[in-house]
Amino acid sequence: AQGICPTGWHMPTDAEQDALDQYLTDGGQTCSATRSGYDCSTAGTKLKSGGASGFNGLLAGNRSADGSFYYVSSYGYFWSSLQSGTSAWFRSLNSSEARVNRSTGGKAGGFSARCLKN
């Protein structure tokens, strides 16, 4: 799904986001590809700004459908290309959580997007 990404880049699939979660999860820890909620111990810490992954996920919060902004500096939300009706799957990082959240959210809201090189 290229969508909003420039030519030669694409929005990550849920499976691509899962591959990153799995790679960053410490040995012996769980990381369910089909979870709805938090899992993948310490992968969240590694994905945040200053973490060991190099991803440097900013906790930019989100924009609600009415245009209000919430959770700046507390949460970072990142869309995947996997859609489910009026929602889509995303990953989120939390300032006080070492794991990664996988969930769905309404597409009318505003989350961060990251593009992957093809």
Protein backbone atom coordinates (compact mmCIF):
# COMPACT_ATOMS: atom_id res chain seq x y z
CA ALA A 1 0.00 0.00 0.00
CA GLN A 2 1.85 3.06 -1.23
CA GLY A 3 -0.93 5.51 -0.36
CA ILE A 4 0.62 8.61 1.20
CA CYS A 5 4.20 7.40 0.83
CA PRO A 6 6.46 8.64 -1.97
CA THR A 7 7.24 6.49 -5.01
CA GLY A 8 9.46 3.58 -4.02
CA TRP A 9 8.11 3.50 -0.47
CA HIS A 10 5.01 1.97 1.16
CA MET A 11 3.03 1.89 4.40
CA PRO A 12 4.11 -1.14 6.43
CA THR A 13 1.77 -4.10 6.53
CA ASP A 14 0.72 -5.55 9.86
CA ALA A 15 3.05 -8.48 9.08
CA GLU A 16 6.00 -6.10 8.51
CA GLN A 17 5.29 -4.37 11.82
CA ASP A 18 5.09 -7.77 13.49
CA ALA A 19 8.46 -8.78 12.03
CA LEU A 20 10.01 -5.72 13.68
CA ASP A 21 8.27 -6.48 16.99
CA GLN A 22 9.49 -10.09 16.87
CA TYR A 23 13.06 -9.07 16.01
CA LEU A 24 13.24 -6.65 18.95
CA THR A 25 11.65 -8.93 21.54
CA ASP A 26 14.17 -10.38 23.98
CA GLY A 27 14.84 -14.11 23.80
CA GLY A 28 12.50 -16.16 25.96
CA GLN A 29 9.79 -13.46 25.88
CA THR A 30 6.42 -13.70 24.13
CA CYS A 31 5.32 -11.75 21.07
CA SER A 32 2.03 -12.86 19.51
CA ALA A 33 1.46 -11.77 15.92
CA THR A 34 -2.31 -11.91 16.39
CA ARG A 35 -2.54 -10.14 19.74
CA SER A 36 -4.86 -7.29 20.49
CA GLY A 37 -3.10 -5.42 23.26
CA TYR A 38 0.40 -5.21 24.70
CA ASP A 39 3.05 -7.89 24.18
CA CYS A 40 6.64 -8.21 22.89
CA SER A 41 8.56 -7.47 26.09
CA THR A 42 11.14 -4.66 25.79
CA ALA A 43 10.49 -4.13 22.05
CA GLY A 44 8.56 -0.96 22.94
CA THR A 45 11.51 0.48 24.87
CA LYS A 46 13.82 -0.28 21.93
CA LEU A 47 11.47 1.45 19.45
CA LYS A 48 11.11 4.71 21.41
CA SER A 49 13.34 7.72 20.86
CA GLY A 50 16.77 6.89 22.25
CA GLY A 51 16.06 3.15 22.17
CA ALA A 52 18.49 0.54 20.89
CA SER A 53 16.69 -0.12 17.58
CA GLY A 54 17.50 3.15 15.81
CA PHE A 55 13.78 3.61 15.05
CA ASN A 56 13.42 6.57 17.47
CA GLY A 57 9.61 6.47 17.61
CA LEU A 58 8.35 9.82 18.84
CA LEU A 59 5.49 9.89 21.31
CA ALA A 60 3.52 12.39 19.23
CA GLY A 61 0.08 11.41 20.52
CA ASN A 62 -2.90 11.44 18.18
CA ARG A 63 -5.50 13.69 16.60
CA SER A 64 -9.13 12.78 17.21
CA ALA A 65 -11.80 12.97 14.51
CA ASP A 66 -12.91 16.37 15.89
CA GLY A 67 -9.40 17.81 15.44
CA SER A 68 -8.33 17.75 19.09
CA PHE A 69 -4.88 16.41 20.01
CA TYR A 70 -4.24 13.98 22.85
CA TYR A 71 -1.40 12.11 24.59
CA VAL A 72 1.54 14.14 23.24
CA SER A 73 4.71 12.88 25.00
CA SER A 74 2.79 9.90 26.43
CA TYR A 75 1.90 7.74 23.42
CA GLY A 76 3.07 7.23 19.85
CA TYR A 77 0.69 5.63 17.33
CA PHE A 78 1.82 4.20 13.98
CA TRP A 79 -0.60 3.03 11.28
CA SER A 80 -0.22 -0.19 9.30
CA SER A 81 -1.84 -0.75 5.92
CA LEU A 82 -4.15 -3.49 7.29
CA GLN A 83 -7.72 -2.18 7.27
CA SER A 84 -10.79 -3.56 8.99
CA GLY A 85 -13.95 -1.72 7.90
CA THR A 86 -13.80 1.86 9.21
CA SER A 87 -10.76 0.96 11.32
CA ALA A 88 -7.16 -0.01 10.64
CA TRP A 89 -4.51 -1.85 12.66
CA PHE A 90 -1.75 0.14 14.33
CA ARG A 91 1.08 -0.19 16.81
CA SER A 92 1.49 2.13 19.76
CA LEU A 93 4.25 2.96 22.19
CA ASN A 94 3.61 4.20 25.71
CA SER A 95 6.01 6.29 27.80
CA SER A 96 5.58 3.98 30.81
CA GLU A 97 5.40 0.62 28.99
CA ALA A 98 8.25 -1.58 27.70
CA ARG A 99 5.96 -3.61 25.41
CA VAL A 100 4.31 -2.75 22.08
CA ASN A 101 0.54 -2.43 21.69
CA ARG A 102 -1.26 -3.82 18.60
CA SER A 103 -4.83 -2.67 18.16
CA THR A 104 -7.36 -1.15 15.75
CA GLY A 105 -8.45 2.46 15.57
CA GLY A 106 -10.91 4.50 13.56
CA LYS A 107 -9.42 5.77 10.33
CA ALA A 108 -10.97 9.20 10.93
CA GLY A 109 -8.37 9.82 13.66
CA GLY A 110 -4.83 10.95 13.01
CA PHE A 111 -1.86 8.74 13.87
CA SER A 112 1.74 8.94 12.73
CA ALA A 113 2.73 7.14 9.54
CA ARG A 114 6.08 5.66 8.70
CA CYS A 115 7.05 4.63 5.22
CA LEU A 116 9.26 1.65 4.35
CA LYS A 117 11.53 1.58 1.34
CA ASN A 118 10.42 -1.04 -1.23
